[in-house]
């Protein structure tokens, strides 16, 4: 089955606008670009590296570089998000 990805505009960390990909088939709760977390100075809550498995033959496992926490504004509501960080080339 092939369809367009659901991309929505959000606000991260009280003001920075970003596009977020909504993946309803994803077992991960959140994944964010490592360089973006550094740029936004998001608080790191865990610096442990871990390998995140893949359920697709098209992509391999992703190496997470830690976990950050931030507020994500969606449709006027703030949600506290804990997200794995990964290098951009690992996410795409």
PDB file of N, CA and C in Angstrom:
ATOM      1  N   UNK A   1       0.842  -1.176   0.000  1.00  0.00           N
ATOM      2  CA  UNK A   1       0.000   0.000   0.000  1.00  0.00           C
ATOM      3  C   UNK A   1       0.884   1.234   0.000  1.00  0.00           C
ATOM      4  N   UNK A   2       0.602   2.159  -0.871  1.00  0.00           N
ATOM      5  CA  UNK A   2       1.390   3.374  -0.980  1.00  0.00           C
ATOM      6  C   UNK A   2       0.473   4.584  -0.882  1.00  0.00           C
ATOM      7  N   UNK A   3       0.869   5.514  -0.020  1.00  0.00           N
ATOM      8  CA  UNK A   3       0.090   6.742   0.122  1.00  0.00           C
ATOM      9  C   UNK A   3       1.023   7.864   0.528  1.00  0.00           C
ATOM     10  N   UNK A   4       0.528   9.093   0.454  1.00  0.00           N
ATOM     11  CA  UNK A   4       1.336  10.237   0.849  1.00  0.00           C
ATOM     12  C   UNK A   4       1.536  10.230   2.359  1.00  0.00           C
ATOM     13  N   UNK A   5       2.703  10.681   2.784  1.00  0.00           N
ATOM     14  CA  UNK A   5       2.986  10.779   4.214  1.00  0.00           C
ATOM     15  C   UNK A   5       2.206  11.936   4.816  1.00  0.00           C
ATOM     16  N   UNK A   6       1.794  11.766   6.049  1.00  0.00           N
ATOM     17  CA  UNK A   6       1.098  12.835   6.768  1.00  0.00           C
ATOM     18  C   UNK A   6       2.141  13.700   7.465  1.00  0.00           C
ATOM     19  N   UNK A   7       2.351  14.903   6.952  1.00  0.00           N
ATOM     20  CA  UNK A   7       3.303  15.844   7.538  1.00  0.00           C
ATOM     21  C   UNK A   7       2.511  17.022   8.075  1.00  0.00           C
ATOM     22  N   UNK A   8       2.754  17.357   9.350  1.00  0.00           N
ATOM     23  CA  UNK A   8       2.049  18.473   9.972  1.00  0.00           C
ATOM     24  C   UNK A   8       3.054  19.489  10.483  1.00  0.00           C
ATOM     25  N   UNK A   9       2.645  20.746  10.538  1.00  0.00           N
ATOM     26  CA  UNK A   9       3.493  21.805  11.073  1.00  0.00           C
ATOM     27  C   UNK A   9       3.244  21.913  12.572  1.00  0.00           C
ATOM     28  N   UNK A  10       4.333  21.943  13.335  1.00  0.00           N
ATOM     29  CA  UNK A  10       4.252  22.011  14.793  1.00  0.00           C
ATOM     30  C   UNK A  10       5.184  23.099  15.302  1.00  0.00           C
ATOM     31  N   UNK A  11       5.153  23.310  16.588  1.00  0.00           N
ATOM     32  CA  UNK A  11       6.118  24.191  17.255  1.00  0.00           C
ATOM     33  C   UNK A  11       6.832  23.368  18.316  1.00  0.00           C
ATOM     34  N   UNK A  12       8.155  23.489  18.322  1.00  0.00           N
ATOM     35  CA  UNK A  12       8.989  22.754  19.264  1.00  0.00           C
ATOM     36  C   UNK A  12       9.618  23.731  20.238  1.00  0.00           C
ATOM     37  N   UNK A  13       9.611  23.362  21.499  1.00  0.00           N
ATOM     38  CA  UNK A  13      10.358  24.100  22.524  1.00  0.00           C
ATOM     39  C   UNK A  13       9.945  25.569  22.577  1.00  0.00           C
ATOM     40  N   UNK A  14       8.665  25.802  22.614  1.00  0.00           N
ATOM     41  CA  UNK A  14       8.099  27.147  22.788  1.00  0.00           C
ATOM     42  C   UNK A  14       8.436  28.112  21.657  1.00  0.00           C
ATOM     43  N   UNK A  15       8.282  27.674  20.405  1.00  0.00           N
ATOM     44  CA  UNK A  15       8.394  28.651  19.342  1.00  0.00           C
ATOM     45  C   UNK A  15       9.021  28.245  18.036  1.00  0.00           C
ATOM     46  N   UNK A  16       9.930  27.285  17.999  1.00  0.00           N
ATOM     47  CA  UNK A  16      10.580  26.909  16.756  1.00  0.00           C
ATOM     48  C   UNK A  16       9.629  26.073  15.906  1.00  0.00           C
ATOM     49  N   UNK A  17       9.311  26.567  14.718  1.00  0.00           N
ATOM     50  CA  UNK A  17       8.396  25.857  13.823  1.00  0.00           C
ATOM     51  C   UNK A  17       9.135  24.720  13.128  1.00  0.00           C
ATOM     52  N   UNK A  18       8.487  23.562  13.045  1.00  0.00           N
ATOM     53  CA  UNK A  18       9.085  22.401  12.386  1.00  0.00           C
ATOM     54  C   UNK A  18       7.991  21.537  11.785  1.00  0.00           C
ATOM     55  N   UNK A  19       8.360  20.788  10.753  1.00  0.00           N
ATOM     56  CA  UNK A  19       7.435  19.819  10.174  1.00  0.00           C
ATOM     57  C   UNK A  19       7.638  18.481  10.874  1.00  0.00           C
ATOM     58  N   UNK A  20       6.544  17.811  11.182  1.00  0.00           N
ATOM     59  CA  UNK A  20       6.605  16.503  11.841  1.00  0.00           C
ATOM     60  C   UNK A  20       5.903  15.475  10.969  1.00  0.00           C
ATOM     61  N   UNK A  21       6.525  14.335  10.828  1.00  0.00           N
ATOM     62  CA  UNK A  21       5.942  13.230  10.078  1.00  0.00           C
ATOM     63  C   UNK A  21       5.120  12.374  11.036  1.00  0.00           C
ATOM     64  N   UNK A  22       3.868  12.168  10.711  1.00  0.00           N
ATOM     65  CA  UNK A  22       2.995  11.329  11.529  1.00  0.00           C
ATOM     66  C   UNK A  22       3.010   9.931  10.937  1.00  0.00           C
ATOM     67  N   UNK A  23       3.449   8.970  11.728  1.00  0.00           N
ATOM     68  CA  UNK A  23       3.564   7.589  11.263  1.00  0.00           C
ATOM     69  C   UNK A  23       2.766   6.697  12.203  1.00  0.00           C
ATOM     70  N   UNK A  24       1.561   6.362  11.823  1.00  0.00           N
ATOM     71  CA  UNK A  24       0.698   5.577  12.703  1.00  0.00           C
ATOM     72  C   UNK A  24       1.130   4.120  12.810  1.00  0.00           C
ATOM     73  N   UNK A  25       2.021   3.684  11.945  1.00  0.00           N
ATOM     74  CA  UNK A  25       2.501   2.306  12.006  1.00  0.00           C
ATOM     75  C   UNK A  25       3.821   2.175  12.733  1.00  0.00           C
ATOM     76  N   UNK A  26       4.257   3.229  13.370  1.00  0.00           N
ATOM     77  CA  UNK A  26       5.567   3.272  14.009  1.00  0.00           C
ATOM     78  C   UNK A  26       5.498   2.764  15.447  1.00  0.00           C
ATOM     79  N   UNK A  27       6.450   1.920  15.827  1.00  0.00           N
ATOM     80  CA  UNK A  27       6.512   1.442  17.204  1.00  0.00           C
ATOM     81  C   UNK A  27       7.295   2.382  18.107  1.00  0.00           C
ATOM     82  N   UNK A  28       8.129   3.234  17.529  1.00  0.00           N
ATOM     83  CA  UNK A  28       8.836   4.252  18.306  1.00  0.00           C
ATOM     84  C   UNK A  28       7.875   5.368  18.656  1.00  0.00           C
ATOM     85  N   UNK A  29       8.030   5.950  19.797  1.00  0.00           N
ATOM     86  CA  UNK A  29       7.174   7.083  20.122  1.00  0.00           C
ATOM     87  C   UNK A  29       7.633   8.333  19.391  1.00  0.00           C
ATOM     88  N   UNK A  30       8.932   8.651  19.435  1.00  0.00           N
ATOM     89  CA  UNK A  30       9.436   9.866  18.783  1.00  0.00           C
ATOM     90  C   UNK A  30      10.900   9.692  18.406  1.00  0.00           C
ATOM     91  N   UNK A  31      11.274  10.318  17.294  1.00  0.00           N
ATOM     92  CA  UNK A  31      12.648  10.325  16.819  1.00  0.00           C
ATOM     93  C   UNK A  31      12.913  11.712  16.269  1.00  0.00           C
ATOM     94  N   UNK A  32      14.038  12.343  16.681  1.00  0.00           N
ATOM     95  CA  UNK A  32      14.346  13.710  16.272  1.00  0.00           C
ATOM     96  C   UNK A  32      15.810  13.797  15.853  1.00  0.00           C
ATOM     97  N   UNK A  33      16.091  14.668  14.898  1.00  0.00           N
ATOM     98  CA  UNK A  33      17.443  14.861  14.377  1.00  0.00           C
ATOM     99  C   UNK A  33      18.379  15.368  15.473  1.00  0.00           C
ATOM    100  N   UNK A  34      19.518  14.703  15.615  1.00  0.00           N
ATOM    101  CA  UNK A  34      20.515  15.045  16.635  1.00  0.00           C
ATOM    102  C   UNK A  34      20.983  16.499  16.513  1.00  0.00           C
ATOM    103  N   UNK A  35      21.257  16.949  15.287  1.00  0.00           N
ATOM    104  CA  UNK A  35      21.734  18.323  15.085  1.00  0.00           C
ATOM    105  C   UNK A  35      20.671  19.352  15.463  1.00  0.00           C
ATOM    106  N   UNK A  36      19.397  19.054  15.207  1.00  0.00           N
ATOM    107  CA  UNK A  36      18.316  19.961  15.597  1.00  0.00           C
ATOM    108  C   UNK A  36      18.224  20.061  17.117  1.00  0.00           C
ATOM    109  N   UNK A  37      18.423  18.965  17.815  1.00  0.00           N
ATOM    110  CA  UNK A  37      18.360  19.012  19.281  1.00  0.00           C
ATOM    111  C   UNK A  37      19.474  19.887  19.846  1.00  0.00           C
ATOM    112  N   UNK A  38      20.646  19.840  19.220  1.00  0.00           N
ATOM    113  CA  UNK A  38      21.761  20.692  19.668  1.00  0.00           C
ATOM    114  C   UNK A  38      21.472  22.160  19.366  1.00  0.00           C
ATOM    115  N   UNK A  39      20.938  22.424  18.165  1.00  0.00           N
ATOM    116  CA  UNK A  39      20.615  23.796  17.765  1.00  0.00           C
ATOM    117  C   UNK A  39      19.582  24.416  18.708  1.00  0.00           C
ATOM    118  N   UNK A  40      18.571  23.632  19.082  1.00  0.00           N
ATOM    119  CA  UNK A  40      17.512  24.128  19.966  1.00  0.00           C
ATOM    120  C   UNK A  40      17.872  24.014  21.443  1.00  0.00           C
ATOM    121  N   UNK A  41      19.026  23.403  21.723  1.00  0.00           N
ATOM    122  CA  UNK A  41      19.487  23.193  23.105  1.00  0.00           C
ATOM    123  C   UNK A  41      18.439  22.461  23.945  1.00  0.00           C
ATOM    124  N   UNK A  42      17.895  21.408  23.357  1.00  0.00           N
ATOM    125  CA  UNK A  42      16.904  20.609  24.079  1.00  0.00           C
ATOM    126  C   UNK A  42      17.592  19.842  25.205  1.00  0.00           C
ATOM    127  N   UNK A  43      16.955  19.755  26.371  1.00  0.00           N
ATOM    128  CA  UNK A  43      17.557  19.045  27.499  1.00  0.00           C
ATOM    129  C   UNK A  43      17.697  17.545  27.223  1.00  0.00           C
ATOM    130  N   UNK A  44      18.906  17.040  27.450  1.00  0.00           N
ATOM    131  CA  UNK A  44      19.181  15.615  27.274  1.00  0.00           C
ATOM    132  C   UNK A  44      18.896  14.911  28.601  1.00  0.00           C
ATOM    133  N   UNK A  45      18.067  13.868  28.563  1.00  0.00           N
ATOM    134  CA  UNK A  45      17.743  13.136  29.791  1.00  0.00           C
ATOM    135  C   UNK A  45      18.442  11.779  29.853  1.00  0.00           C
ATOM    136  N   UNK A  46      19.015  11.349  28.740  1.00  0.00           N
ATOM    137  CA  UNK A  46      19.735  10.079  28.698  1.00  0.00           C
ATOM    138  C   UNK A  46      20.730  10.144  27.544  1.00  0.00           C
ATOM    139  N   UNK A  47      22.007   9.914  27.839  1.00  0.00           N
ATOM    140  CA  UNK A  47      23.041   9.964  26.802  1.00  0.00           C
ATOM    141  C   UNK A  47      23.451   8.570  26.314  1.00  0.00           C
ATOM    142  N   UNK A  48      22.745   7.554  26.734  1.00  0.00           N
ATOM    143  CA  UNK A  48      23.076   6.182  26.327  1.00  0.00           C
ATOM    144  C   UNK A  48      22.772   5.974  24.846  1.00  0.00           C
ATOM    145  N   UNK A  49      23.745   5.401  24.141  1.00  0.00           N
ATOM    146  CA  UNK A  49      23.502   5.045  22.744  1.00  0.00           C
ATOM    147  C   UNK A  49      22.819   3.685  22.712  1.00  0.00           C
ATOM    148  N   UNK A  50      21.891   3.522  21.783  1.00  0.00           N
ATOM    149  CA  UNK A  50      21.204   2.232  21.638  1.00  0.00           C
ATOM    150  C   UNK A  50      20.823   2.017  20.188  1.00  0.00           C
ATOM    151  N   UNK A  51      20.715   0.779  19.818  1.00  0.00           N
ATOM    152  CA  UNK A  51      20.321   0.413  18.464  1.00  0.00           C
ATOM    153  C   UNK A  51      18.814   0.208  18.435  1.00  0.00           C
ATOM    154  N   UNK A  52      18.137   0.945  17.550  1.00  0.00           N
ATOM    155  CA  UNK A  52      16.689   0.841  17.401  1.00  0.00           C
ATOM    156  C   UNK A  52      16.412  -0.038  16.196  1.00  0.00           C
ATOM    157  N   UNK A  53      15.749  -1.130  16.411  1.00  0.00           N
ATOM    158  CA  UNK A  53      15.479  -2.094  15.347  1.00  0.00           C
ATOM    159  C   UNK A  53      14.562  -1.547  14.278  1.00  0.00           C
ATOM    160  N   UNK A  54      14.522  -2.241  13.161  1.00  0.00           N
ATOM    161  CA  UNK A  54      13.684  -1.858  12.036  1.00  0.00           C
ATOM    162  C   UNK A  54      12.734  -3.002  11.708  1.00  0.00           C
ATOM    163  N   UNK A  55      11.522  -2.644  11.317  1.00  0.00           N
ATOM    164  CA  UNK A  55      10.545  -3.654  10.934  1.00  0.00           C
ATOM    165  C   UNK A  55      10.347  -3.683   9.424  1.00  0.00           C
ATOM    166  N   UNK A  56      11.251  -3.020   8.693  1.00  0.00           N
ATOM    167  CA  UNK A  56      11.141  -2.939   7.243  1.00  0.00           C
ATOM    168  C   UNK A  56      12.397  -3.500   6.606  1.00  0.00           C
ATOM    169  N   UNK A  57      12.233  -4.220   5.520  1.00  0.00           N
ATOM    170  CA  UNK A  57      13.388  -4.720   4.777  1.00  0.00           C
ATOM    171  C   UNK A  57      14.107  -3.594   4.042  1.00  0.00           C
ATOM    172  N   UNK A  58      13.416  -2.480   3.832  1.00  0.00           N
ATOM    173  CA  UNK A  58      13.974  -1.365   3.069  1.00  0.00           C
ATOM    174  C   UNK A  58      14.945  -0.528   3.892  1.00  0.00           C
ATOM    175  N   UNK A  59      14.811  -0.546   5.205  1.00  0.00           N
ATOM    176  CA  UNK A  59      15.687   0.261   6.055  1.00  0.00           C
ATOM    177  C   UNK A  59      16.354  -0.621   7.086  1.00  0.00           C
ATOM    178  N   UNK A  60      17.531  -0.205   7.489  1.00  0.00           N
ATOM    179  CA  UNK A  60      18.240  -0.941   8.524  1.00  0.00           C
ATOM    180  C   UNK A  60      17.953  -0.353   9.893  1.00  0.00           C
ATOM    181  N   UNK A  61      18.643  -0.863  10.880  1.00  0.00           N
ATOM    182  CA  UNK A  61      18.486  -0.361  12.238  1.00  0.00           C
ATOM    183  C   UNK A  61      19.050   1.054  12.340  1.00  0.00           C
ATOM    184  N   UNK A  62      18.533   1.824  13.278  1.00  0.00           N
ATOM    185  CA  UNK A  62      18.972   3.195  13.515  1.00  0.00           C
ATOM    186  C   UNK A  62      19.703   3.261  14.842  1.00  0.00           C
ATOM    187  N   UNK A  63      20.830   3.983  14.880  1.00  0.00           N
ATOM    188  CA  UNK A  63      21.583   4.142  16.118  1.00  0.00           C
ATOM    189  C   UNK A  63      21.135   5.434  16.796  1.00  0.00           C
ATOM    190  N   UNK A  64      20.466   5.309  17.932  1.00  0.00           N
ATOM    191  CA  UNK A  64      20.039   6.481  18.701  1.00  0.00           C
ATOM    192  C   UNK A  64      21.215   6.971  19.533  1.00  0.00           C
ATOM    193  N   UNK A  65      21.376   8.299  19.609  1.00  0.00           N
ATOM    194  CA  UNK A  65      22.492   8.888  20.346  1.00  0.00           C
ATOM    195  C   UNK A  65      22.078   9.396  21.722  1.00  0.00           C
ATOM    196  N   UNK A  66      20.830   9.207  22.099  1.00  0.00           N
ATOM    197  CA  UNK A  66      20.353   9.638  23.406  1.00  0.00           C
ATOM    198  C   UNK A  66      18.859   9.900  23.387  1.00  0.00           C
ATOM    199  N   UNK A  67      18.377  10.532  24.459  1.00  0.00           N
ATOM    200  CA  UNK A  67      16.962  10.886  24.593  1.00  0.00           C
ATOM    201  C   UNK A  67      16.871  12.329  25.073  1.00  0.00           C
ATOM    202  N   UNK A  68      15.998  13.121  24.441  1.00  0.00           N
ATOM    203  CA  UNK A  68      15.759  14.505  24.850  1.00  0.00           C
ATOM    204  C   UNK A  68      14.291  14.661  25.237  1.00  0.00           C
ATOM    205  N   UNK A  69      14.003  15.763  25.934  1.00  0.00           N
ATOM    206  CA  UNK A  69      12.627  16.076  26.312  1.00  0.00           C
ATOM    207  C   UNK A  69      12.322  17.494  25.837  1.00  0.00           C
ATOM    208  N   UNK A  70      11.100  17.710  25.340  1.00  0.00           N
ATOM    209  CA  UNK A  70      10.697  19.037  24.886  1.00  0.00           C
ATOM    210  C   UNK A  70       9.182  19.110  24.830  1.00  0.00           C
ATOM    211  N   UNK A  71       8.668  20.332  24.741  1.00  0.00           N
ATOM    212  CA  UNK A  71       7.236  20.538  24.541  1.00  0.00           C
ATOM    213  C   UNK A  71       6.968  20.644  23.053  1.00  0.00           C
ATOM    214  N   UNK A  72       5.935  19.964  22.592  1.00  0.00           N
ATOM    215  CA  UNK A  72       5.513  19.992  21.199  1.00  0.00           C
ATOM    216  C   UNK A  72       4.102  20.552  21.160  1.00  0.00           C
ATOM    217  N   UNK A  73       3.938  21.674  20.448  1.00  0.00           N
ATOM    218  CA  UNK A  73       2.616  22.283  20.322  1.00  0.00           C
ATOM    219  C   UNK A  73       1.943  21.745  19.073  1.00  0.00           C
ATOM    220  N   UNK A  74       0.783  21.166  19.262  1.00  0.00           N
ATOM    221  CA  UNK A  74       0.012  20.595  18.170  1.00  0.00           C
ATOM    222  C   UNK A  74      -1.420  21.067  18.288  1.00  0.00           C
ATOM    223  N   UNK A  75      -1.890  21.793  17.306  1.00  0.00           N
ATOM    224  CA  UNK A  75      -3.280  22.281  17.295  1.00  0.00           C
ATOM    225  C   UNK A  75      -3.617  23.070  18.556  1.00  0.00           C
ATOM    226  N   UNK A  76      -2.658  23.844  19.047  1.00  0.00           N
ATOM    227  CA  UNK A  76      -2.897  24.675  20.217  1.00  0.00           C
ATOM    228  C   UNK A  76      -2.687  23.987  21.552  1.00  0.00           C
ATOM    229  N   UNK A  77      -2.340  22.712  21.552  1.00  0.00           N
ATOM    230  CA  UNK A  77      -2.114  21.973  22.790  1.00  0.00           C
ATOM    231  C   UNK A  77      -0.641  21.635  22.927  1.00  0.00           C
ATOM    232  N   UNK A  78      -0.090  21.781  24.132  1.00  0.00           N
ATOM    233  CA  UNK A  78       1.295  21.412  24.407  1.00  0.00           C
ATOM    234  C   UNK A  78       1.354  19.988  24.934  1.00  0.00           C
ATOM    235  N   UNK A  79       2.274  19.213  24.390  1.00  0.00           N
ATOM    236  CA  UNK A  79       2.509  17.853  24.855  1.00  0.00           C
ATOM    237  C   UNK A  79       3.979  17.714  25.208  1.00  0.00           C
ATOM    238  N   UNK A  80       4.274  17.095  26.338  1.00  0.00           N
ATOM    239  CA  UNK A  80       5.651  16.819  26.726  1.00  0.00           C
ATOM    240  C   UNK A  80       6.091  15.560  25.984  1.00  0.00           C
ATOM    241  N   UNK A  81       7.178  15.680  25.224  1.00  0.00           N
ATOM    242  CA  UNK A  81       7.653  14.594  24.373  1.00  0.00           C
ATOM    243  C   UNK A  81       9.042  14.133  24.815  1.00  0.00           C
ATOM    244  N   UNK A  82       9.221  12.845  24.912  1.00  0.00           N
ATOM    245  CA  UNK A  82      10.537  12.241  25.082  1.00  0.00           C
ATOM    246  C   UNK A  82      10.869  11.608  23.737  1.00  0.00           C
ATOM    247  N   UNK A  83      12.017  11.974  23.163  1.00  0.00           N
ATOM    248  CA  UNK A  83      12.348  11.501  21.819  1.00  0.00           C
ATOM    249  C   UNK A  83      13.776  10.967  21.757  1.00  0.00           C
ATOM    250  N   UNK A  84      13.939   9.865  21.031  1.00  0.00           N
ATOM    251  CA  UNK A  84      15.282   9.385  20.720  1.00  0.00           C
ATOM    252  C   UNK A  84      15.905  10.362  19.737  1.00  0.00           C
ATOM    253  N   UNK A  85      17.218  10.600  19.857  1.00  0.00           N
ATOM    254  CA  UNK A  85      17.929  11.432  18.893  1.00  0.00           C
ATOM    255  C   UNK A  85      18.755  10.522  17.976  1.00  0.00           C
ATOM    256  N   UNK A  86      18.866  10.937  16.717  1.00  0.00           N
ATOM    257  CA  UNK A  86      19.661  10.174  15.754  1.00  0.00           C
ATOM    258  C   UNK A  86      20.194  11.130  14.700  1.00  0.00           C
ATOM    259  N   UNK A  87      21.332  10.780  14.120  1.00  0.00           N
ATOM    260  CA  UNK A  87      21.897  11.576  13.030  1.00  0.00           C
ATOM    261  C   UNK A  87      20.951  11.538  11.840  1.00  0.00           C
ATOM    262  N   UNK A  88      20.888  12.645  11.097  1.00  0.00           N
ATOM    263  CA  UNK A  88      19.936  12.771   9.989  1.00  0.00           C
ATOM    264  C   UNK A  88      20.056  11.629   8.982  1.00  0.00           C
ATOM    265  N   UNK A  89      21.269  11.223   8.663  1.00  0.00           N
ATOM    266  CA  UNK A  89      21.434  10.144   7.680  1.00  0.00           C
ATOM    267  C   UNK A  89      20.915   8.805   8.206  1.00  0.00           C
ATOM    268  N   UNK A  90      20.758   8.673   9.520  1.00  0.00           N
ATOM    269  CA  UNK A  90      20.190   7.459  10.111  1.00  0.00           C
ATOM    270  C   UNK A  90      18.668   7.475  10.068  1.00  0.00           C
ATOM    271  N   UNK A  91      18.075   8.685  10.040  1.00  0.00           N
ATOM    272  CA  UNK A  91      16.623   8.835  10.083  1.00  0.00           C
ATOM    273  C   UNK A  91      16.010   8.647   8.710  1.00  0.00           C
ATOM    274  N   UNK A  92      16.646   9.169   7.668  1.00  0.00           N
ATOM    275  CA  UNK A  92      16.049   9.170   6.326  1.00  0.00           C
ATOM    276  C   UNK A  92      16.012   7.831   5.685  1.00  0.00           C
TER     277      UNK A  92
END
